[in-house]
Amino acid sequence: MAGRRGPGKYEMQALRPRLLHKGLILLFVPLVFEIVVAAFLIYLQHYYGEAVKAEITRKQIVYHINEFWYYNDDITTTSLGTAMFGHREVNWASGGNASLQYKILAGLLADDPEQLKQLNDLMTSHLNIGKLCGGLRPFMPGSGGMLGQMLAMKSNLLTCKKLMAAELEIEGQIAKFREHQLRESERAAERVRSIALLIQVVLALAIAGSIAIAYLLFRYFMRGIHKGVQALIGNIKLFKSGEPLAQPLEGTDEIALLDSRFHEMADEVAAAQRLKQAFISTVTRELRVPIGATRDYVVELASGSDSLLSDVARTRAEKVEKSLDRLIGLMNDLLVLERPGAGRMEIAPRQCSLTEVVQSSIDAVQAFAEKNNVRLEGLNEQVSAYADPDRIVQVLVNLLSNAIKFSPAGSAVTISAQSVEDQVEIRVTDRGRGIPAHLRNAVFEKFQQVSTTDATEKGGTGLGLPICKEIIELHGGKIGVESEESKGSTFWFRVPAKGHDEA
């Protein structure tokens, strides 16, 4: 495990919440960008509205100039027609309409003094034309005699000459004025189109900018987090496998703090593991001596031709010897199981008869079964597997012992076998209390038992099934349990039917 750091470095007041800072950046940068874009679009929208208004105003000006032009020409042509031919009346209403158009134009051009001056010049010329038209004498055949008609015609000709000159002058003024307004109208329309295009470009850039900002912020936000999280996950995996952790992460953000705290916890767990290992080693050594002495005494008692034991007692003594050997092996396995790191118990698999293995297991627990008035039913058919027979006996003895302990008196514990694909499945079935559904996986964990009173009432340490699980997994098999409360349990395990060379 990595060395521990000083505790002061993990105090919350020393924390610089960089993840919070990054989160605020992730929140506020897009928000500020969107506010800026929205403000600019509002400005463009306002500018676009003003441009549209300006375009409409210019079109209205052109329209009213045309109307003014029309009414000015109308009063001139009707006055000339009446004076020369007398076949129509002067349309004096056109003069009023022209004045109305002037007022409208004056209102539209109120903010443009230069154009307003030109409009006033136009109106002055129009009023001059009106005076000239009023000076024309109407042509009336037969009135005033020949001399009167000649004098009237002479007067009209002189007035017409002035009128035509004034008309040509005002025509030029109107044409110039109108041309200017048409250009302004075209500029206003072009401005409207430009602003509309600019709004579309801004919207497109805003979308592209939002995507770019989101991507850059994601990279910025996730760059350190991803690295830190991966390192933390790697340390968790190393911790689970019991291997030394990687060096603590550099930095002062929350992930670095969590990783540093994880290193602290791992050091504390390692220290506790060492204490536990030392305790187990001490207890095991202390137990191994009396158990070994007992085994030697049983061997000495059962061996030799001059033994005082009967054949039945000698047979039982041999079984006791085997049980003591397995107990010593169990203590050795317990040391291996509790050893930190990659150390595991060893197996020596070979093609063997499971029928004989099952019978050896039954012989080992037969006395315990008779004491509890439980009947054991073994295999009737010949079954073989590629396994370590001593280790499988260890597994079966554990499963049978548990089944006997929790079986009611007068019931039977049955051992059966079946083929499952390329494996052999051994099943140990009892008629005991069963296992609740939420504990069916937990019973294979160390120091786990179905009931808290099992250790005192039934005996056991909660290590048997974890050791069985370790042995079966070393064979490349699986182990599990099927159970129904109050109706019994079936513990099963699978081992290869044949080795790789024989498959």
Protein backbone atom coordinates (compact mmCIF):
# COMPACT_ATOMS: atom_id res chain seq x y z
CA MET A 1 0.00 0.00 0.00
CA ALA A 2 1.10 3.55 -0.60
CA GLY A 3 2.46 5.52 2.34
CA ARG A 4 0.06 7.55 4.42
CA ARG A 5 -0.04 11.29 4.20
CA GLY A 6 -0.36 13.71 7.04
CA PRO A 7 -3.97 14.04 8.21
CA GLY A 8 -3.90 17.81 7.93
CA LYS A 9 -3.93 17.59 4.17
CA TYR A 10 -7.38 16.01 4.20
CA GLU A 11 -9.14 18.61 6.30
CA MET A 12 -12.14 20.15 4.54
CA GLN A 13 -11.02 23.70 5.24
CA ALA A 14 -7.92 23.07 3.13
CA LEU A 15 -10.07 21.95 0.20
CA ARG A 16 -10.06 24.05 -2.90
CA PRO A 17 -13.29 22.97 -4.62
CA ARG A 18 -11.96 23.00 -8.17
CA LEU A 19 -14.77 20.76 -9.35
CA LEU A 20 -17.23 23.38 -8.13
CA HIS A 21 -15.26 26.06 -9.95
CA LYS A 22 -15.32 24.00 -13.12
CA GLY A 23 -19.03 23.43 -12.66
CA LEU A 24 -19.60 27.19 -12.35
CA ILE A 25 -17.54 27.76 -15.48
CA LEU A 26 -19.59 25.09 -17.24
CA LEU A 27 -22.73 26.96 -16.19
CA PHE A 28 -21.74 30.60 -16.66
CA VAL A 29 -19.65 30.57 -19.85
CA PRO A 30 -22.52 29.32 -22.06
CA LEU A 31 -24.90 31.61 -20.15
CA VAL A 32 -22.72 34.69 -20.78
CA PHE A 33 -22.27 33.68 -24.42
CA GLU A 34 -26.01 33.29 -24.86
CA ILE A 35 -26.69 36.64 -23.15
CA VAL A 36 -24.20 38.39 -25.46
CA VAL A 37 -25.71 36.72 -28.53
CA ALA A 38 -29.23 37.56 -27.37
CA ALA A 39 -28.32 41.19 -26.73
CA PHE A 40 -26.69 41.48 -30.16
CA LEU A 41 -29.71 39.87 -31.82
CA ILE A 42 -32.03 42.28 -29.97
CA TYR A 43 -29.92 45.17 -31.23
CA LEU A 44 -29.98 43.80 -34.78
CA GLN A 45 -33.72 43.23 -34.52
CA HIS A 46 -34.19 46.84 -33.46
CA TYR A 47 -31.86 48.02 -36.22
CA TYR A 48 -33.74 45.82 -38.70
CA GLY A 49 -37.05 47.33 -37.58
CA GLU A 50 -35.67 50.84 -38.03
CA ALA A 51 -34.37 49.93 -41.48
CA VAL A 52 -37.76 48.54 -42.48
CA LYS A 53 -39.42 51.72 -41.25
CA ALA A 54 -36.92 53.79 -43.23
CA GLU A 55 -37.61 51.70 -46.36
CA ILE A 56 -41.36 52.11 -45.94
CA THR A 57 -40.94 55.88 -45.40
CA ARG A 58 -38.85 56.20 -48.59
CA LYS A 59 -41.45 54.29 -50.57
CA GLN A 60 -44.16 56.52 -49.17
CA ILE A 61 -42.13 59.60 -50.13
CA VAL A 62 -41.72 58.32 -53.69
CA TYR A 63 -45.43 57.55 -53.84
CA HIS A 64 -46.46 61.05 -52.65
CA ILE A 65 -43.94 62.72 -54.99
CA ASN A 66 -45.59 60.89 -57.87
CA GLU A 67 -48.97 62.05 -56.63
CA PHE A 68 -47.73 65.63 -56.31
CA TRP A 69 -46.30 65.42 -59.84
CA TYR A 70 -49.58 64.10 -61.17
CA TYR A 71 -51.73 66.83 -59.59
CA ASN A 72 -49.28 69.53 -60.73
CA ASP A 73 -49.43 68.25 -64.34
CA ASP A 74 -53.20 67.88 -64.13
CA ILE A 75 -53.82 71.51 -63.22
CA THR A 76 -51.38 72.66 -65.94
CA THR A 77 -52.89 70.52 -68.73
CA THR A 78 -56.49 71.35 -67.85
CA SER A 79 -55.67 75.05 -67.65
CA LEU A 80 -53.95 74.97 -71.06
CA GLY A 81 -56.80 73.00 -72.60
CA THR A 82 -59.41 75.43 -71.32
CA ALA A 83 -57.38 78.44 -72.45
CA MET A 84 -56.66 77.11 -75.93
CA PHE A 85 -59.71 75.10 -76.84
CA GLY A 86 -62.33 75.71 -74.18
CA HIS A 87 -63.50 72.08 -74.38
CA ARG A 88 -62.90 71.34 -70.66
CA GLU A 89 -62.86 73.10 -67.30
CA VAL A 90 -59.80 73.75 -65.18
CA ASN A 91 -59.43 71.10 -62.43
CA TRP A 92 -58.69 73.46 -59.55
CA ALA A 93 -59.11 70.55 -57.09
CA SER A 94 -55.74 69.25 -58.25
CA GLY A 95 -54.16 72.27 -56.69
CA GLY A 96 -55.65 71.36 -53.32
CA ASN A 97 -54.57 67.75 -53.73
CA ALA A 98 -51.06 68.87 -54.58
CA SER A 99 -51.01 70.99 -51.42
CA LEU A 100 -52.16 67.95 -49.43
CA GLN A 101 -49.34 65.87 -50.89
CA TYR A 102 -46.93 68.64 -49.95
CA LYS A 103 -48.07 68.55 -46.33
CA ILE A 104 -47.67 64.79 -46.19
CA LEU A 105 -44.21 65.01 -47.72
CA ALA A 106 -43.24 67.79 -45.35
CA GLY A 107 -44.18 65.54 -42.43
CA LEU A 108 -42.19 62.61 -43.84
CA LEU A 109 -39.13 64.79 -44.47
CA ALA A 110 -39.27 66.74 -41.21
CA ASP A 111 -35.94 65.20 -40.05
CA ASP A 112 -34.16 65.94 -43.35
CA PRO A 113 -33.69 69.72 -43.68
CA GLU A 114 -31.95 69.53 -47.06
CA GLN A 115 -34.74 67.51 -48.64
CA LEU A 116 -37.33 69.65 -46.92
CA LYS A 117 -35.77 72.76 -48.55
CA GLN A 118 -36.00 71.10 -51.98
CA LEU A 119 -39.64 70.22 -51.24
CA ASN A 120 -40.33 73.87 -50.36
CA ASP A 121 -38.73 74.93 -53.65
CA LEU A 122 -41.02 72.48 -55.44
CA MET A 123 -44.03 73.92 -53.68
CA THR A 124 -42.97 77.47 -54.59
CA SER A 125 -42.69 76.46 -58.22
CA HIS A 126 -46.08 74.75 -58.00
CA LEU A 127 -47.69 77.89 -56.56
CA ASN A 128 -46.08 79.92 -59.35
CA ILE A 129 -47.59 77.53 -61.90
CA GLY A 130 -50.95 77.91 -60.17
CA LYS A 131 -50.73 81.69 -60.53
CA LEU A 132 -49.82 81.38 -64.21
CA CYS A 133 -52.71 78.99 -64.77
CA GLY A 134 -55.02 81.46 -63.04
CA GLY A 135 -53.83 84.16 -65.48
CA LEU A 136 -54.95 82.25 -68.58
CA ARG A 137 -58.09 83.59 -70.20
CA PRO A 138 -60.56 80.90 -71.26
CA PHE A 139 -61.15 80.50 -74.98
CA MET A 140 -64.79 81.51 -75.73
CA PRO A 141 -65.71 81.50 -79.47
CA GLY A 142 -67.92 84.44 -80.57
CA SER A 143 -67.35 86.56 -77.48
CA GLY A 144 -65.57 89.96 -77.63
CA GLY A 145 -65.29 89.98 -81.36
CA MET A 146 -62.27 89.22 -83.44
CA LEU A 147 -60.10 91.86 -81.75
CA GLY A 148 -61.00 90.60 -78.28
CA GLN A 149 -60.21 87.06 -79.22
CA MET A 150 -56.87 88.10 -80.73
CA LEU A 151 -55.92 90.03 -77.62
CA ALA A 152 -56.95 87.10 -75.38
CA MET A 153 -54.95 84.67 -77.51
CA LYS A 154 -51.90 86.93 -77.39
CA SER A 155 -52.15 87.17 -73.62
CA ASN A 156 -52.57 83.39 -73.31
CA LEU A 157 -49.60 82.76 -75.58
CA LEU A 158 -47.35 84.92 -73.42
CA THR A 159 -48.67 83.19 -70.27
CA CYS A 160 -48.29 79.77 -71.86
CA LYS A 161 -44.70 80.54 -72.66
CA LYS A 162 -44.04 81.38 -69.01
CA LEU A 163 -46.13 78.40 -67.92
CA MET A 164 -44.18 75.97 -70.09
CA ALA A 165 -40.89 77.36 -68.80
CA ALA A 166 -42.13 76.99 -65.21
CA GLU A 167 -43.42 73.52 -65.99
CA LEU A 168 -40.09 72.44 -67.42
CA GLU A 169 -38.34 73.82 -64.36
CA ILE A 170 -40.61 72.02 -61.90
CA GLU A 171 -40.42 68.83 -63.93
CA GLY A 172 -36.66 68.90 -63.56
CA GLN A 173 -36.93 69.62 -59.86
CA ILE A 174 -39.45 66.82 -59.29
CA ALA A 175 -37.40 64.37 -61.38
CA LYS A 176 -34.25 65.18 -59.43
CA PHE A 177 -36.07 65.05 -56.11
CA ARG A 178 -37.76 61.76 -57.04
CA GLU A 179 -34.51 60.22 -58.27
CA HIS A 180 -32.84 61.02 -54.97
CA GLN A 181 -35.68 59.43 -53.04
CA LEU A 182 -35.58 56.33 -55.26
CA ARG A 183 -31.88 55.93 -54.52
CA GLU A 184 -32.52 56.35 -50.82
CA SER A 185 -35.33 53.82 -51.06
CA GLU A 186 -33.01 51.33 -52.76
CA ARG A 187 -30.36 51.94 -50.09
CA ALA A 188 -32.96 51.37 -47.38
CA ALA A 189 -34.05 48.11 -49.03
CA GLU A 190 -30.43 47.00 -49.35
CA ARG A 191 -29.89 47.84 -45.68
CA VAL A 192 -32.89 45.70 -44.75
CA ARG A 193 -31.53 42.77 -46.77
CA SER A 194 -28.05 43.19 -45.26
CA ILE A 195 -29.37 43.24 -41.70
CA ALA A 196 -31.56 40.19 -42.37
CA LEU A 197 -28.52 38.35 -43.75
CA LEU A 198 -26.45 39.48 -40.77
CA ILE A 199 -29.10 38.12 -38.38
CA GLN A 200 -28.98 34.76 -40.17
CA VAL A 201 -25.17 34.74 -39.98
CA VAL A 202 -25.24 35.63 -36.28
CA LEU A 203 -27.72 32.82 -35.61
CA ALA A 204 -25.53 30.34 -37.51
CA LEU A 205 -22.41 31.54 -35.68
CA ALA A 206 -24.29 31.37 -32.37
CA ILE A 207 -25.18 27.73 -33.01
CA ALA A 208 -21.64 26.89 -34.11
CA GLY A 209 -20.24 28.84 -31.16
CA SER A 210 -22.51 27.05 -28.71
CA ILE A 211 -21.35 23.69 -30.06
CA ALA A 212 -17.70 24.74 -29.92
CA ILE A 213 -18.06 26.13 -26.37
CA ALA A 214 -19.88 23.00 -25.22
CA TYR A 215 -17.14 20.79 -26.70
CA LEU A 216 -14.29 22.86 -25.26
CA LEU A 217 -15.93 23.07 -21.85
CA PHE A 218 -16.56 19.32 -21.93
CA ARG A 219 -12.89 18.72 -22.72
CA TYR A 220 -11.83 21.16 -20.02
CA PHE A 221 -14.21 19.72 -17.46
CA MET A 222 -13.61 16.04 -18.23
CA ARG A 223 -9.86 16.14 -18.89
CA GLY A 224 -8.83 16.03 -15.25
CA ILE A 225 -11.94 14.24 -14.01
CA HIS A 226 -11.59 11.31 -16.42
CA LYS A 227 -7.95 10.82 -15.51
CA GLY A 228 -8.70 11.07 -11.81
CA VAL A 229 -11.71 8.74 -11.94
CA GLN A 230 -9.77 6.15 -13.95
CA ALA A 231 -6.93 6.29 -11.44
CA LEU A 232 -9.41 5.93 -8.58
CA ILE A 233 -11.11 2.96 -10.27
CA GLY A 234 -7.70 1.38 -10.85
CA ASN A 235 -6.83 1.79 -7.18
CA ILE A 236 -10.15 0.23 -6.18
CA LYS A 237 -9.39 -2.80 -8.38
CA LEU A 238 -5.90 -3.06 -6.93
CA PHE A 239 -7.35 -2.81 -3.43
CA LYS A 240 -9.87 -5.58 -4.11
CA SER A 241 -7.11 -7.86 -5.43
CA GLY A 242 -4.87 -7.02 -2.46
CA GLU A 243 -2.12 -5.50 -4.58
CA PRO A 244 -0.24 -2.25 -3.75
CA LEU A 245 -2.05 0.91 -4.80
CA ALA A 246 -0.71 3.37 -7.35
CA GLN A 247 0.74 6.65 -6.16
CA PRO A 248 -1.82 9.19 -4.87
CA LEU A 249 -3.15 11.69 -7.38
CA GLU A 250 -1.56 15.12 -7.49
CA GLY A 251 -3.76 18.14 -7.00
CA THR A 252 -6.19 19.62 -4.52
CA ASP A 253 -9.55 18.96 -6.12
CA GLU A 254 -12.24 16.68 -4.75
CA ILE A 255 -11.11 13.60 -6.70
CA ALA A 256 -7.53 13.98 -5.50
CA LEU A 257 -8.86 14.38 -1.96
CA LEU A 258 -11.01 11.26 -2.36
CA ASP A 259 -8.07 9.30 -3.73
CA SER A 260 -5.87 10.44 -0.84
CA ARG A 261 -8.60 9.46 1.63
CA PHE A 262 -8.89 6.11 -0.15
CA HIS A 263 -5.15 5.58 0.33
CA GLU A 264 -5.60 6.35 4.02
CA MET A 265 -8.44 3.84 4.26
CA ALA A 266 -6.40 1.24 2.36
CA ASP A 267 -3.51 1.72 4.78
CA GLU A 268 -5.87 1.31 7.72
CA VAL A 269 -7.40 -1.84 6.19
CA ALA A 270 -3.92 -3.20 5.47
CA ALA A 271 -2.92 -2.59 9.08
CA ALA A 272 -6.09 -4.33 10.30
CA GLN A 273 -5.44 -7.18 7.84
CA ARG A 274 -1.93 -7.61 9.18
CA LEU A 275 -3.25 -7.72 12.73
CA LYS A 276 -5.89 -10.27 11.74
CA GLN A 277 -3.34 -12.34 9.85
CA ALA A 278 -1.03 -12.27 12.84
CA PHE A 279 -3.89 -13.31 15.12
CA ILE A 280 -4.98 -16.15 12.82
CA SER A 281 -1.39 -17.32 12.42
CA THR A 282 -0.90 -17.32 16.18
CA VAL A 283 -4.14 -19.16 16.88
CA THR A 284 -3.46 -21.66 14.11
CA ARG A 285 0.03 -22.39 15.41
CA GLU A 286 -1.35 -22.80 18.89
CA LEU A 287 -4.01 -25.22 17.61
CA ARG A 288 -1.70 -27.12 15.29
CA VAL A 289 0.48 -28.33 18.17
CA PRO A 290 -2.25 -30.08 20.24
CA ILE A 291 -4.02 -31.31 17.11
CA GLY A 292 -0.76 -32.72 15.77
CA ALA A 293 -0.03 -34.37 19.11
CA THR A 294 -3.52 -35.85 19.18
CA ARG A 295 -3.04 -37.16 15.64
CA ASP A 296 0.28 -38.75 16.54
CA TYR A 297 -1.31 -40.38 19.59
CA VAL A 298 -4.19 -41.76 17.49
CA VAL A 299 -1.74 -43.08 14.87
CA GLU A 300 0.36 -44.73 17.55
CA LEU A 301 -2.74 -46.16 19.19
CA ALA A 302 -4.10 -47.62 15.96
CA SER A 303 -0.82 -48.89 14.54
CA GLY A 304 1.14 -52.00 15.39
CA SER A 305 0.17 -55.61 15.70
CA ASP A 306 0.08 -55.42 19.46
CA SER A 307 -2.57 -52.74 19.51
CA LEU A 308 -5.15 -53.18 22.24
CA LEU A 309 -7.88 -51.76 20.00
CA SER A 310 -10.44 -53.90 18.30
CA ASP A 311 -10.79 -53.88 14.54
CA VAL A 312 -13.81 -51.57 14.73
CA ALA A 313 -11.99 -49.18 17.05
CA ARG A 314 -8.90 -49.29 14.87
CA THR A 315 -11.03 -48.42 11.84
CA ARG A 316 -12.55 -45.54 13.74
CA ALA A 317 -9.11 -44.39 14.86
CA GLU A 318 -7.98 -44.34 11.23
CA LYS A 319 -10.98 -42.19 10.36
CA VAL A 320 -10.12 -39.88 13.25
CA GLU A 321 -6.60 -39.65 11.87
CA LYS A 322 -7.93 -38.63 8.45
CA SER A 323 -10.26 -36.08 10.04
CA LEU A 324 -7.37 -34.59 12.00
CA ASP A 325 -5.31 -34.43 8.82
CA ARG A 326 -8.15 -32.55 7.14
CA LEU A 327 -8.43 -30.23 10.15
CA ILE A 328 -4.74 -29.42 9.86
CA GLY A 329 -5.25 -28.86 6.15
CA LEU A 330 -8.21 -26.62 6.92
CA MET A 331 -6.07 -24.46 9.18
CA ASN A 332 -3.43 -24.23 6.47
CA ASP A 333 -6.12 -23.25 3.93
CA LEU A 334 -7.44 -20.65 6.35
CA LEU A 335 -4.00 -19.07 6.45
CA VAL A 336 -3.87 -19.06 2.65
CA LEU A 337 -7.42 -17.70 2.39
CA GLU A 338 -6.64 -14.82 4.71
CA ARG A 339 -3.26 -14.05 3.15
CA PRO A 340 -3.22 -10.64 1.39
CA GLY A 341 -2.15 -10.46 -2.23
CA ALA A 342 -2.23 -13.12 -4.89
CA GLY A 343 -1.41 -16.14 -2.70
CA ARG A 344 -3.93 -18.96 -3.14
CA MET A 345 -4.21 -22.58 -2.02
CA GLU A 346 -2.86 -25.18 -4.40
CA ILE A 347 -4.66 -28.06 -6.13
CA ALA A 348 -3.40 -31.12 -7.99
CA PRO A 349 -6.22 -32.21 -10.31
CA ARG A 350 -6.27 -35.61 -12.01
CA GLN A 351 -8.83 -37.95 -13.45
CA CYS A 352 -10.43 -39.58 -10.42
CA SER A 353 -13.53 -41.47 -9.33
CA LEU A 354 -16.09 -39.14 -7.74
CA THR A 355 -17.90 -42.21 -6.46
CA GLU A 356 -14.89 -43.06 -4.27
CA VAL A 357 -14.48 -39.40 -3.29
CA VAL A 358 -18.10 -39.24 -2.17
CA GLN A 359 -17.72 -42.47 -0.18
CA SER A 360 -14.60 -41.13 1.55
CA SER A 361 -16.50 -38.00 2.46
CA ILE A 362 -19.39 -40.04 3.85
CA ASP A 363 -16.98 -42.15 5.92
CA ALA A 364 -15.47 -38.95 7.35
CA VAL A 365 -18.83 -37.64 8.66
CA GLN A 366 -20.61 -40.97 9.31
CA ALA A 367 -20.12 -40.80 13.07
CA PHE A 368 -21.43 -37.21 13.14
CA ALA A 369 -24.48 -38.28 11.08
CA GLU A 370 -25.23 -41.19 13.40
CA LYS A 371 -24.98 -38.89 16.40
CA ASN A 372 -27.60 -36.56 14.82
CA ASN A 373 -29.76 -39.49 13.61
CA VAL A 374 -29.35 -38.44 9.96
CA ARG A 375 -29.10 -40.95 7.14
CA LEU A 376 -26.54 -40.40 4.34
CA GLU A 377 -27.30 -41.59 0.81
CA GLY A 378 -24.33 -41.68 -1.59
CA LEU A 379 -23.89 -42.29 -5.30
CA ASN A 380 -25.08 -45.57 -6.80
CA GLU A 381 -23.44 -45.07 -10.21
CA GLN A 382 -19.80 -44.68 -11.18
CA VAL A 383 -18.88 -41.03 -11.90
CA SER A 384 -15.45 -39.63 -12.71
CA ALA A 385 -14.09 -36.08 -12.98
CA TYR A 386 -10.87 -34.16 -13.49
CA ALA A 387 -10.26 -32.83 -9.98
CA ASP A 388 -8.11 -32.96 -6.88
CA PRO A 389 -9.77 -35.76 -4.87
CA ASP A 390 -8.47 -34.55 -1.50
CA ARG A 391 -9.80 -31.05 -2.13
CA ILE A 392 -13.18 -32.36 -3.33
CA VAL A 393 -13.38 -34.48 -0.17
CA GLN A 394 -12.70 -31.28 1.77
CA VAL A 395 -15.59 -29.58 -0.04
CA LEU A 396 -17.98 -32.50 0.42
CA VAL A 397 -17.13 -32.96 4.08
CA ASN A 398 -17.95 -29.32 4.67
CA LEU A 399 -21.23 -29.48 2.72
CA LEU A 400 -22.25 -32.78 4.38
CA SER A 401 -21.38 -31.47 7.85
CA ASN A 402 -23.56 -28.40 7.28
CA ALA A 403 -26.40 -30.52 5.88
CA ILE A 404 -26.26 -32.88 8.89
CA LYS A 405 -26.17 -29.99 11.39
CA PHE A 406 -29.32 -28.39 9.99
CA SER A 407 -31.30 -31.58 9.16
CA PRO A 408 -34.09 -32.79 11.43
CA ALA A 409 -33.59 -36.15 13.16
CA GLY A 410 -34.73 -39.11 11.09
CA SER A 411 -34.26 -37.32 7.75
CA ALA A 412 -31.79 -38.11 4.98
CA VAL A 413 -29.02 -36.17 3.25
CA THR A 414 -28.71 -37.21 -0.38
CA ILE A 415 -25.71 -36.90 -2.69
CA SER A 416 -26.42 -37.08 -6.42
CA ALA A 417 -24.51 -36.40 -9.63
CA GLN A 418 -25.40 -35.37 -13.16
CA SER A 419 -23.63 -34.20 -16.31
CA VAL A 420 -23.90 -30.52 -17.31
CA GLU A 421 -22.27 -29.94 -20.70
CA ASP A 422 -18.56 -30.80 -20.18
CA GLN A 423 -18.77 -30.73 -16.37
CA VAL A 424 -20.02 -32.97 -13.59
CA GLU A 425 -22.43 -31.50 -11.06
CA ILE A 426 -22.51 -32.89 -7.52
CA ARG A 427 -25.61 -32.02 -5.44
CA VAL A 428 -25.97 -32.34 -1.65
CA THR A 429 -29.65 -32.13 -0.62
CA ASP A 430 -31.05 -31.88 2.90
CA ARG A 431 -34.49 -31.40 4.45
CA GLY A 432 -33.47 -28.67 6.86
CA ARG A 433 -34.70 -25.13 7.51
CA GLY A 434 -33.57 -23.69 4.18
CA ILE A 435 -31.84 -20.38 3.43
CA PRO A 436 -33.61 -17.04 2.89
CA ALA A 437 -33.31 -15.68 -0.64
CA HIS A 438 -31.34 -12.59 0.40
CA LEU A 439 -28.64 -14.74 2.05
CA ARG A 440 -28.05 -17.32 -0.70
CA ASN A 441 -25.09 -15.44 -2.11
CA ALA A 442 -23.86 -14.08 1.23
CA VAL A 443 -23.28 -17.55 2.73
CA PHE A 444 -20.26 -17.96 0.42
CA GLU A 445 -18.60 -14.89 1.92
CA LYS A 446 -16.21 -15.11 4.83
CA PHE A 447 -17.67 -15.14 8.35
CA GLN A 448 -21.26 -15.11 7.04
CA GLN A 449 -23.90 -17.40 8.53
CA VAL A 450 -27.65 -17.70 8.08
CA SER A 451 -28.40 -16.96 11.74
CA THR A 452 -26.38 -15.07 14.31
CA THR A 453 -26.87 -17.94 16.77
CA ASP A 454 -25.45 -20.61 14.45
CA ALA A 455 -21.89 -20.15 15.70
CA THR A 456 -22.88 -20.91 19.30
CA GLU A 457 -25.73 -23.37 18.80
CA LYS A 458 -24.53 -25.29 15.74
CA GLY A 459 -20.82 -24.60 15.75
CA GLY A 460 -18.82 -23.21 12.86
CA THR A 461 -16.80 -20.16 11.92
CA GLY A 462 -18.39 -19.02 8.67
CA LEU A 463 -15.24 -20.00 6.72
CA GLY A 464 -16.22 -23.41 5.39
CA LEU A 465 -18.28 -22.30 2.41
CA PRO A 466 -15.81 -19.54 1.35
CA ILE A 467 -13.05 -22.19 1.32
CA CYS A 468 -15.31 -24.50 -0.71
CA LYS A 469 -15.92 -21.66 -3.15
CA GLU A 470 -12.18 -21.00 -3.45
CA ILE A 471 -11.45 -24.71 -4.12
CA ILE A 472 -14.17 -25.09 -6.76
CA GLU A 473 -13.18 -21.89 -8.56
CA LEU A 474 -9.56 -23.09 -8.64
CA HIS A 475 -10.90 -26.13 -10.51
CA GLY A 476 -12.56 -23.77 -13.01
CA GLY A 477 -16.02 -24.69 -11.74
CA LYS A 478 -18.94 -23.03 -10.01
CA ILE A 479 -20.72 -23.48 -6.69
CA GLY A 480 -24.19 -22.39 -5.64
CA VAL A 481 -27.28 -23.17 -3.59
CA GLU A 482 -30.96 -23.77 -4.28
CA SER A 483 -33.22 -23.46 -1.29
CA GLU A 484 -36.76 -23.00 -0.08
CA GLU A 485 -37.34 -21.94 3.50
CA SER A 486 -38.62 -24.71 5.80
CA LYS A 487 -38.20 -27.29 2.99
CA GLY A 488 -34.46 -27.78 2.76
CA SER A 489 -31.49 -26.78 0.63
CA THR A 490 -29.41 -28.21 -2.19
CA PHE A 491 -25.79 -27.13 -2.40
CA TRP A 492 -24.21 -27.93 -5.75
CA PHE A 493 -20.85 -27.55 -7.41
CA ARG A 494 -19.44 -28.32 -10.84
CA VAL A 495 -15.97 -29.54 -11.82
CA PRO A 496 -14.60 -30.52 -15.25
CA ALA A 497 -15.50 -34.00 -16.41
CA LYS A 498 -12.16 -34.38 -18.23
CA GLY A 499 -8.83 -32.62 -18.39
CA HIS A 500 -7.73 -30.57 -21.36
CA ASP A 501 -5.56 -33.37 -22.69
CA GLU A 502 -8.42 -35.87 -22.53
CA ALA A 503 -11.26 -33.62 -23.74
